[in-house]
Amino acid sequence: MVLLAIVVLVLVTANTLLSDSKGVVGIAAGQPLPPFAVPLAVGDVNGDANVATRADEGAAGKVPACSVRGPQLLNVCQLYEQGPVVLALFINASSCPQVLGEMQALVPSFPGVRFAAVAIEGSRSGLRQLVRSRGLTLPVGIDKDGALVALYKVDSCPQLTFAYPGGVVQGKTLLGNPSLAALRARVSELVAASRARGWRGPAR
């Protein structure tokens, strides 16, 4: 009975972590990406995610997240200022990490697209090992307090969001781990749609 109670507790906790109470998964198309800044996994900066949209927003942050920048930080505002964004959110370093290798494989084929990932909670040392073992050059941040779960309505591992330059979500959130071919096709759609909106990215 004790073992059964423990299993039930684990399942309830996991469901709470990955489920949005309103049943909405991901950020809806046409909506802006919620701002955030988190430490890079391989850096030395520690701290919780800054998700503030204005100054003095309590636990969310003392200054707006978009203004929190530095070489050891992953700032989503800085990403979408530079081009289209493909953002993967996953649960700690041991869950669904294969999407990182697939994203890394696409980086050379899509110059100008900003690929990035954030681990929700988990071990930072394990995440660092994951980044190094897979030879990742795309930025990987860590959200140690899980602030992005509610902010991005995380309900899958991994969960991928695609956004135009400027930070507006391009289409439906991609849930689960896609094949490399499916991910390539989705990124191609993002690039084409971004160009149709006037983005002049580097030639392939």
Protein backbone atom coordinates (compact mmCIF):
# COMPACT_ATOMS: atom_id res chain seq x y z
CA MET A 1 0.00 0.00 0.00
CA VAL A 2 2.84 2.38 0.82
CA LEU A 3 4.46 1.69 -2.56
CA LEU A 4 1.15 2.29 -4.34
CA ALA A 5 0.71 5.59 -2.53
CA ILE A 6 4.20 6.68 -3.60
CA VAL A 7 3.50 5.79 -7.24
CA VAL A 8 0.23 7.73 -7.19
CA LEU A 9 1.97 10.73 -5.65
CA VAL A 10 4.67 10.70 -8.36
CA LEU A 11 2.07 10.52 -11.12
CA VAL A 12 0.03 13.36 -9.64
CA THR A 13 3.15 15.50 -9.27
CA ALA A 14 4.23 14.88 -12.87
CA ASN A 15 0.76 15.67 -14.15
CA THR A 16 0.67 18.90 -12.17
CA LEU A 17 4.04 19.93 -13.54
CA LEU A 18 3.09 19.30 -17.17
CA SER A 19 -0.60 20.25 -17.25
CA ASP A 20 -2.27 23.61 -17.62
CA SER A 21 -5.39 23.96 -15.53
CA LYS A 22 -7.32 25.53 -18.42
CA GLY A 23 -6.47 22.74 -20.83
CA VAL A 24 -4.61 25.05 -23.21
CA VAL A 25 -1.35 23.69 -24.55
CA GLY A 26 1.35 26.11 -25.58
CA ILE A 27 1.04 29.74 -26.62
CA ALA A 28 -1.68 30.32 -29.22
CA ALA A 29 -0.72 31.40 -32.73
CA GLY A 30 -0.68 35.16 -33.08
CA GLN A 31 0.15 35.73 -29.42
CA PRO A 32 3.48 37.19 -28.24
CA LEU A 33 6.10 34.99 -26.64
CA PRO A 34 6.11 35.65 -22.90
CA PRO A 35 9.43 37.27 -21.99
CA PHE A 36 11.98 35.43 -19.88
CA ALA A 37 15.65 35.34 -19.08
CA VAL A 38 17.33 32.27 -17.57
CA PRO A 39 20.94 31.25 -16.83
CA LEU A 40 22.73 29.22 -19.48
CA ALA A 41 23.37 25.65 -18.39
CA VAL A 42 27.10 25.85 -19.10
CA GLY A 43 27.59 29.27 -17.47
CA ASP A 44 28.31 30.33 -13.92
CA VAL A 45 25.25 32.54 -13.33
CA ASN A 46 22.77 31.20 -10.79
CA GLY A 47 19.24 32.32 -10.04
CA ASP A 48 15.62 31.79 -10.86
CA ALA A 49 14.02 32.66 -14.17
CA ASN A 50 13.17 36.33 -14.64
CA VAL A 51 9.70 36.53 -16.19
CA ALA A 52 8.84 40.11 -15.31
CA THR A 53 7.08 42.29 -17.86
CA ARG A 54 7.68 45.48 -15.89
CA ALA A 55 9.89 46.77 -13.07
CA ASP A 56 9.41 45.65 -9.46
CA GLU A 57 7.15 42.72 -10.25
CA GLY A 58 7.92 40.82 -7.07
CA ALA A 59 8.99 37.21 -7.46
CA ALA A 60 8.81 37.53 -11.26
CA GLY A 61 11.76 39.93 -11.23
CA LYS A 62 12.94 43.37 -10.19
CA VAL A 63 13.49 44.53 -13.76
CA PRO A 64 11.75 43.54 -17.01
CA ALA A 65 13.03 40.21 -18.32
CA CYS A 66 13.76 41.66 -21.77
CA SER A 67 16.39 43.96 -20.25
CA VAL A 68 18.26 41.17 -18.45
CA ARG A 69 21.06 40.25 -20.84
CA GLY A 70 24.58 38.91 -20.77
CA PRO A 71 26.88 36.28 -22.27
CA GLN A 72 25.79 33.69 -19.69
CA LEU A 73 22.06 34.27 -20.05
CA LEU A 74 19.39 33.00 -22.43
CA ASN A 75 16.95 35.83 -23.13
CA VAL A 76 14.04 35.02 -25.44
CA CYS A 77 13.57 38.71 -26.32
CA GLN A 78 17.14 38.86 -27.57
CA LEU A 79 16.49 35.78 -29.71
CA TYR A 80 13.41 37.09 -31.49
CA GLU A 81 15.03 40.46 -32.08
CA GLN A 82 17.54 38.63 -34.28
CA GLY A 83 15.29 36.35 -36.32
CA PRO A 84 12.68 33.57 -36.23
CA VAL A 85 12.79 31.44 -33.08
CA VAL A 86 12.50 27.71 -32.48
CA LEU A 87 12.25 27.19 -28.72
CA ALA A 88 12.22 23.76 -27.08
CA LEU A 89 11.15 23.30 -23.47
CA PHE A 90 11.90 19.96 -21.82
CA ILE A 91 11.82 18.50 -18.33
CA ASN A 92 15.32 18.24 -16.82
CA ALA A 93 18.36 16.73 -18.52
CA SER A 94 17.13 13.13 -18.55
CA SER A 95 13.81 13.57 -20.34
CA CYS A 96 13.37 13.73 -24.13
CA PRO A 97 16.85 15.17 -24.83
CA GLN A 98 16.97 13.79 -28.40
CA VAL A 99 15.21 16.90 -29.71
CA LEU A 100 18.35 18.89 -28.89
CA GLY A 101 20.45 16.82 -31.28
CA GLU A 102 17.82 17.21 -34.00
CA MET A 103 17.70 20.98 -33.53
CA GLN A 104 21.50 21.13 -33.59
CA ALA A 105 21.53 19.19 -36.86
CA LEU A 106 19.31 21.83 -38.46
CA VAL A 107 21.31 24.88 -37.36
CA PRO A 108 23.62 24.93 -40.45
CA SER A 109 20.65 24.61 -42.82
CA PHE A 110 18.75 27.58 -41.41
CA PRO A 111 21.05 30.59 -40.96
CA GLY A 112 19.25 33.39 -39.19
CA VAL A 113 16.88 31.10 -37.29
CA ARG A 114 17.49 31.18 -33.54
CA PHE A 115 17.32 27.69 -32.06
CA ALA A 116 17.30 27.49 -28.27
CA ALA A 117 16.16 25.21 -25.46
CA VAL A 118 15.36 25.45 -21.77
CA ALA A 119 15.39 22.61 -19.26
CA ILE A 120 12.66 22.81 -16.65
CA GLU A 121 14.17 21.99 -13.26
CA GLY A 122 16.54 19.06 -12.89
CA SER A 123 20.26 18.80 -12.23
CA ARG A 124 22.46 21.52 -13.67
CA SER A 125 25.48 19.23 -13.69
CA GLY A 126 23.47 16.65 -15.63
CA LEU A 127 22.38 19.31 -18.08
CA ARG A 128 25.95 20.49 -18.58
CA GLN A 129 27.02 16.93 -19.30
CA LEU A 130 24.18 16.58 -21.81
CA VAL A 131 25.18 19.77 -23.64
CA ARG A 132 28.83 18.76 -23.85
CA SER A 133 28.25 15.12 -24.75
CA ARG A 134 26.03 16.11 -27.67
CA GLY A 135 28.33 18.89 -28.84
CA LEU A 136 25.56 21.48 -28.70
CA THR A 137 26.28 25.01 -29.85
CA LEU A 138 22.68 26.21 -29.59
CA PRO A 139 21.98 27.96 -26.27
CA VAL A 140 20.48 25.79 -23.54
CA GLY A 141 19.13 27.48 -20.43
CA ILE A 142 17.89 26.15 -17.12
CA ASP A 143 14.70 27.17 -15.35
CA LYS A 144 15.37 25.72 -11.93
CA ASP A 145 12.12 26.86 -10.31
CA GLY A 146 9.84 25.83 -13.18
CA ALA A 147 8.43 29.30 -13.86
CA LEU A 148 8.08 28.58 -17.58
CA VAL A 149 5.69 25.66 -17.06
CA ALA A 150 2.72 27.94 -16.44
CA LEU A 151 4.05 30.80 -18.56
CA TYR A 152 4.36 28.64 -21.69
CA LYS A 153 1.55 26.21 -20.81
CA VAL A 154 3.90 23.24 -20.95
CA ASP A 155 2.02 19.98 -21.40
CA SER A 156 4.49 17.82 -23.29
CA CYS A 157 8.14 16.85 -23.30
CA PRO A 158 9.57 18.29 -25.36
CA GLN A 159 7.33 21.20 -26.32
CA LEU A 160 8.42 23.31 -29.29
CA THR A 161 7.27 26.84 -30.01
CA PHE A 162 7.86 28.61 -33.33
CA ALA A 163 7.83 32.40 -33.52
CA TYR A 164 8.34 35.10 -36.12
CA PRO A 165 10.99 37.79 -35.75
CA GLY A 166 9.52 40.15 -33.19
CA GLY A 167 8.25 37.34 -31.00
CA VAL A 168 4.77 36.54 -32.34
CA VAL A 169 3.94 32.83 -32.30
CA GLN A 170 3.71 31.50 -35.86
CA GLY A 171 1.55 28.42 -35.44
CA LYS A 172 0.46 25.57 -33.24
CA THR A 173 2.90 24.34 -30.63
CA LEU A 174 4.58 21.07 -31.58
CA LEU A 175 4.14 18.45 -28.87
CA GLY A 176 6.35 15.44 -28.33
CA ASN A 177 9.57 14.56 -30.10
CA PRO A 178 9.25 15.02 -33.88
CA SER A 179 11.28 13.20 -36.50
CA LEU A 180 14.13 15.17 -38.00
CA ALA A 181 12.23 15.38 -41.30
CA ALA A 182 9.10 16.70 -39.59
CA LEU A 183 11.08 19.28 -37.65
CA ARG A 184 12.91 20.39 -40.79
CA ALA A 185 9.59 20.84 -42.59
CA ARG A 186 8.18 22.89 -39.73
CA VAL A 187 11.23 25.15 -39.59
CA SER A 188 11.05 25.60 -43.37
CA GLU A 189 7.44 26.74 -42.95
CA LEU A 190 8.53 29.21 -40.28
CA VAL A 191 11.24 30.67 -42.51
CA ALA A 192 8.88 30.99 -45.49
CA ALA A 193 6.18 32.64 -43.38
CA SER A 194 8.73 34.99 -41.82
CA ARG A 195 9.98 36.05 -45.26
CA ALA A 196 6.40 36.63 -46.37
CA ARG A 197 6.07 39.04 -43.45
CA GLY A 198 9.13 40.99 -44.59
CA TRP A 199 11.98 39.28 -42.76
CA ARG A 200 15.16 39.46 -44.81
CA GLY A 201 17.30 36.74 -43.36
CA PRO A 202 20.61 35.51 -44.74
CA ALA A 203 20.50 33.56 -47.97
CA ARG A 204 20.81 29.79 -47.62
